[in-house]
């Protein structure tokens, strides 16, 4: 094992074991290196690596702290990696989204408040009958983010946020090239919203599946 990897594993072990908790400040570099049996150089490299993936927070002039370790923070690293996807993997991202988002929509059905439903409805009303593709895609992202947020599962919310990026371009391209894409998307959004208002878990799940599968089906036909 490379010395930096060993250093990362040892710091990780301290956090997992509870020796270091969210918000804790790490001991001074010399003390920590000595206590873990590491060189100061390998410790610095480990701290740098762990700060990049939001495990540690290096504050100049103050010290190094364990972050909150909140899911949305830790999963930012996944979003960064996802940005490097190749075009031929977009279908795979859509397939994952088709698994996760209907589940999140179903989870939201009994939990979403009438006020939150009204906000989603107002977003759709504000688009009008003939929005631009860019406006529709921006609303689509906010619409689904709002629903997933109501699932009560912050990990699922962060995962789907990270997965939305690669499929955005596909949705824009579909809107520009498929004749009824805008109208169809609006109808599907209304159907999802109606199922949520009815607190119909399975209908919400089904309409979310149809909505994502329609983009996936179109993309398969164009590749």
Protein backbone atom coordinates (compact mmCIF):
# COMPACT_ATOMS: atom_id res chain seq x y z
CA UNK A 1 0.00 0.00 0.00
CA UNK A 2 1.31 3.45 -0.94
CA UNK A 3 2.20 5.58 2.05
CA UNK A 4 -0.45 8.17 1.18
CA UNK A 5 -3.11 5.46 0.91
CA UNK A 6 -2.01 4.14 4.29
CA UNK A 7 -2.33 7.63 5.77
CA UNK A 8 -5.81 8.03 4.29
CA UNK A 9 -6.88 4.67 5.74
CA UNK A 10 -5.61 5.60 9.19
CA UNK A 11 -7.44 8.93 9.24
CA UNK A 12 -10.55 7.20 7.91
CA UNK A 13 -10.21 4.65 10.72
CA UNK A 14 -10.19 7.43 13.31
CA UNK A 15 -13.39 8.92 11.87
CA UNK A 16 -15.20 5.58 11.48
CA UNK A 17 -14.26 4.52 15.01
CA UNK A 18 -15.50 7.80 16.47
CA UNK A 19 -12.08 8.98 17.63
CA UNK A 20 -12.71 11.94 15.33
CA UNK A 21 -16.30 13.15 15.00
CA UNK A 22 -18.00 15.59 12.62
CA UNK A 23 -16.80 19.10 13.42
CA UNK A 24 -13.74 17.92 15.40
CA UNK A 25 -10.41 19.59 14.86
CA UNK A 26 -7.52 17.30 14.00
CA UNK A 27 -4.50 17.28 16.33
CA UNK A 28 -1.46 19.28 15.26
CA UNK A 29 0.30 17.82 12.26
CA UNK A 30 3.38 16.73 14.19
CA UNK A 31 1.31 15.05 16.92
CA UNK A 32 -1.01 13.28 14.47
CA UNK A 33 1.85 12.06 12.28
CA UNK A 34 3.69 10.72 15.30
CA UNK A 35 0.57 9.10 16.77
CA UNK A 36 -0.29 7.36 13.51
CA UNK A 37 3.28 6.40 12.69
CA UNK A 38 3.30 8.44 9.50
CA UNK A 39 5.65 10.89 7.89
CA UNK A 40 4.44 14.47 7.84
CA UNK A 41 4.59 14.49 4.02
CA UNK A 42 2.32 11.46 3.67
CA UNK A 43 -0.06 12.96 6.25
CA UNK A 44 -0.22 16.23 4.29
CA UNK A 45 -1.01 14.33 1.08
CA UNK A 46 -3.74 12.37 2.85
CA UNK A 47 -5.28 15.53 4.29
CA UNK A 48 -5.21 17.15 0.85
CA UNK A 49 -6.93 14.14 -0.73
CA UNK A 50 -9.58 13.92 2.00
CA UNK A 51 -10.30 17.64 1.73
CA UNK A 52 -10.99 17.25 -2.00
CA UNK A 53 -13.76 14.74 -1.28
CA UNK A 54 -15.17 16.88 1.55
CA UNK A 55 -14.15 14.60 4.42
CA UNK A 56 -11.81 17.21 5.87
CA UNK A 57 -11.95 21.00 5.83
CA UNK A 58 -8.58 22.76 5.82
CA UNK A 59 -8.91 26.29 7.24
CA UNK A 60 -5.83 28.42 6.72
CA UNK A 61 -4.51 29.77 10.00
CA UNK A 62 -7.02 27.78 12.02
CA UNK A 63 -6.43 24.08 11.46
CA UNK A 64 -8.02 21.06 9.83
CA UNK A 65 -11.49 19.89 10.78
CA UNK A 66 -13.71 16.93 10.05
CA UNK A 67 -16.64 18.21 7.98
CA UNK A 68 -20.28 17.62 8.88
CA UNK A 69 -20.09 14.42 6.77
CA UNK A 70 -23.60 15.24 5.54
CA UNK A 71 -24.64 13.16 2.49
CA UNK A 72 -25.09 16.16 0.22
CA UNK A 73 -21.56 17.30 1.04
CA UNK A 74 -19.91 13.91 0.58
CA UNK A 75 -21.76 13.20 -2.65
CA UNK A 76 -20.48 16.41 -4.23
CA UNK A 77 -17.45 14.35 -5.20
CA UNK A 78 -19.70 12.01 -7.16
CA UNK A 79 -21.18 14.97 -9.05
CA UNK A 80 -17.66 16.05 -9.98
CA UNK A 81 -16.82 12.59 -11.35
CA UNK A 82 -20.16 12.34 -13.17
CA UNK A 83 -19.29 15.50 -15.12
CA UNK A 84 -16.60 13.48 -16.92
CA UNK A 85 -19.10 11.02 -18.39
CA UNK A 86 -18.88 10.09 -22.07
CA UNK A 87 -21.89 10.52 -24.34
CA UNK A 88 -22.24 6.75 -24.72
CA UNK A 89 -22.87 6.38 -20.97
CA UNK A 90 -25.89 8.72 -20.86
CA UNK A 91 -28.25 5.76 -21.31
CA UNK A 92 -26.68 4.14 -18.25
CA UNK A 93 -27.26 7.27 -16.19
CA UNK A 94 -30.86 7.37 -17.37
CA UNK A 95 -31.29 3.71 -16.44
CA UNK A 96 -30.08 4.42 -12.90
CA UNK A 97 -32.34 7.46 -12.68
CA UNK A 98 -35.27 5.29 -13.85
CA UNK A 99 -34.62 2.97 -10.90
CA UNK A 100 -34.15 5.64 -8.22
CA UNK A 101 -36.46 8.51 -9.12
CA UNK A 102 -39.74 6.57 -9.23
CA UNK A 103 -38.85 5.12 -5.82
CA UNK A 104 -38.21 8.61 -4.47
CA UNK A 105 -41.46 9.89 -5.99
CA UNK A 106 -43.38 7.04 -4.37
CA UNK A 107 -41.74 7.81 -1.03
CA UNK A 108 -42.75 11.46 -1.37
CA UNK A 109 -46.44 10.71 -2.07
CA UNK A 110 -47.56 10.33 1.58
CA UNK A 111 -45.14 12.98 2.87
CA UNK A 112 -45.39 15.94 0.52
CA UNK A 113 -47.48 18.78 1.93
CA UNK A 114 -50.32 20.60 0.18
CA UNK A 115 -48.21 23.76 0.26
CA UNK A 116 -45.34 21.97 -1.50
CA UNK A 117 -47.77 20.59 -4.07
CA UNK A 118 -49.07 24.11 -4.68
CA UNK A 119 -45.52 25.35 -5.26
CA UNK A 120 -44.92 22.61 -7.85
CA UNK A 121 -48.24 23.39 -9.52
CA UNK A 122 -47.38 27.09 -9.65
CA UNK A 123 -44.04 26.26 -11.30
CA UNK A 124 -45.85 24.38 -14.05
CA UNK A 125 -48.46 27.14 -14.46
CA UNK A 126 -45.71 29.76 -14.79
CA UNK A 127 -44.29 27.91 -17.81
CA UNK A 128 -47.43 28.42 -19.85
CA UNK A 129 -48.49 26.18 -22.72
CA UNK A 130 -45.47 26.73 -24.96
CA UNK A 131 -42.25 27.25 -22.96
CA UNK A 132 -38.85 27.19 -24.60
CA UNK A 133 -36.91 23.95 -24.34
CA UNK A 134 -34.40 25.59 -21.99
CA UNK A 135 -37.18 26.86 -19.71
CA UNK A 136 -38.82 23.44 -19.69
CA UNK A 137 -35.61 21.59 -18.82
CA UNK A 138 -34.80 24.07 -16.02
CA UNK A 139 -38.31 23.60 -14.64
CA UNK A 140 -38.00 19.82 -15.03
CA UNK A 141 -34.89 19.79 -12.85
CA UNK A 142 -36.55 21.91 -10.15
CA UNK A 143 -39.80 19.95 -10.36
CA UNK A 144 -38.14 16.60 -9.73
CA UNK A 145 -35.72 18.03 -7.17
CA UNK A 146 -38.68 19.39 -5.21
CA UNK A 147 -40.43 16.02 -5.22
CA UNK A 148 -37.33 14.01 -4.31
CA UNK A 149 -36.59 16.42 -1.46
CA UNK A 150 -39.98 15.47 0.00
CA UNK A 151 -39.01 11.79 0.07
CA UNK A 152 -37.29 12.47 3.39
CA UNK A 153 -34.12 10.68 2.27
CA UNK A 154 -31.18 13.06 1.95
CA UNK A 155 -28.89 10.40 0.45
CA UNK A 156 -31.37 9.63 -2.33
CA UNK A 157 -31.84 13.34 -2.95
CA UNK A 158 -28.09 13.90 -3.27
CA UNK A 159 -27.61 10.88 -5.52
CA UNK A 160 -30.31 12.02 -7.93
CA UNK A 161 -28.96 15.56 -7.91
CA UNK A 162 -25.60 14.19 -8.96
CA UNK A 163 -27.12 12.05 -11.70
CA UNK A 164 -29.22 14.81 -13.25
CA UNK A 165 -26.31 16.56 -14.97
CA UNK A 166 -25.48 14.00 -17.69
CA UNK A 167 -29.12 13.66 -18.72
CA UNK A 168 -29.75 17.40 -19.07
CA UNK A 169 -28.20 17.67 -22.51
CA UNK A 170 -30.19 14.65 -23.70
CA UNK A 171 -33.42 16.28 -22.52
CA UNK A 172 -32.58 19.54 -24.32
CA UNK A 173 -31.73 17.69 -27.53
CA UNK A 174 -34.97 15.72 -27.32
CA UNK A 175 -36.95 18.94 -26.87
CA UNK A 176 -35.35 20.42 -29.97
CA UNK A 177 -35.77 17.37 -32.21
CA UNK A 178 -38.87 15.48 -31.07
CA UNK A 179 -42.05 17.18 -32.24
CA UNK A 180 -44.28 16.62 -29.20
CA UNK A 181 -41.57 16.50 -26.50
CA UNK A 182 -42.53 19.75 -24.75
CA UNK A 183 -46.27 19.01 -24.62
CA UNK A 184 -45.64 15.41 -23.58
CA UNK A 185 -43.32 16.46 -20.75
CA UNK A 186 -45.89 18.92 -19.43
CA UNK A 187 -48.62 16.24 -19.52
CA UNK A 188 -46.40 13.80 -17.64
CA UNK A 189 -45.55 16.42 -15.02
CA UNK A 190 -49.25 17.10 -14.49
CA UNK A 191 -49.94 13.37 -14.16
CA UNK A 192 -47.19 12.97 -11.54
CA UNK A 193 -48.55 15.95 -9.64
CA UNK A 194 -52.11 14.60 -9.75
CA UNK A 195 -50.96 11.24 -8.38
CA UNK A 196 -49.13 13.01 -5.56
CA UNK A 197 -52.23 15.06 -4.72
CA UNK A 198 -54.23 11.83 -4.56
CA UNK A 199 -51.56 10.30 -2.28
CA UNK A 200 -51.50 7.42 -4.75
CA UNK A 201 -48.08 5.87 -4.20
CA UNK A 202 -48.19 3.40 -7.09
CA UNK A 203 -49.59 5.88 -9.59
CA UNK A 204 -46.85 8.37 -8.63
CA UNK A 205 -44.23 5.66 -9.07
CA UNK A 206 -45.68 4.60 -12.42
CA UNK A 207 -45.92 8.09 -13.90
CA UNK A 208 -42.37 8.91 -12.81
CA UNK A 209 -41.20 5.71 -14.52
CA UNK A 210 -43.09 6.57 -17.72
CA UNK A 211 -41.65 10.08 -17.67
CA UNK A 212 -38.02 8.97 -17.46
CA UNK A 213 -38.50 5.95 -19.74
CA UNK A 214 -39.83 8.20 -22.51
CA UNK A 215 -36.54 10.13 -22.58
CA UNK A 216 -34.61 6.87 -22.45
CA UNK A 217 -36.67 5.36 -25.28
CA UNK A 218 -36.18 8.44 -27.46
CA UNK A 219 -32.44 8.43 -26.85
CA UNK A 220 -32.13 4.73 -27.75
CA UNK A 221 -33.92 5.41 -31.02
CA UNK A 222 -31.53 8.21 -31.96
CA UNK A 223 -28.23 6.46 -31.17
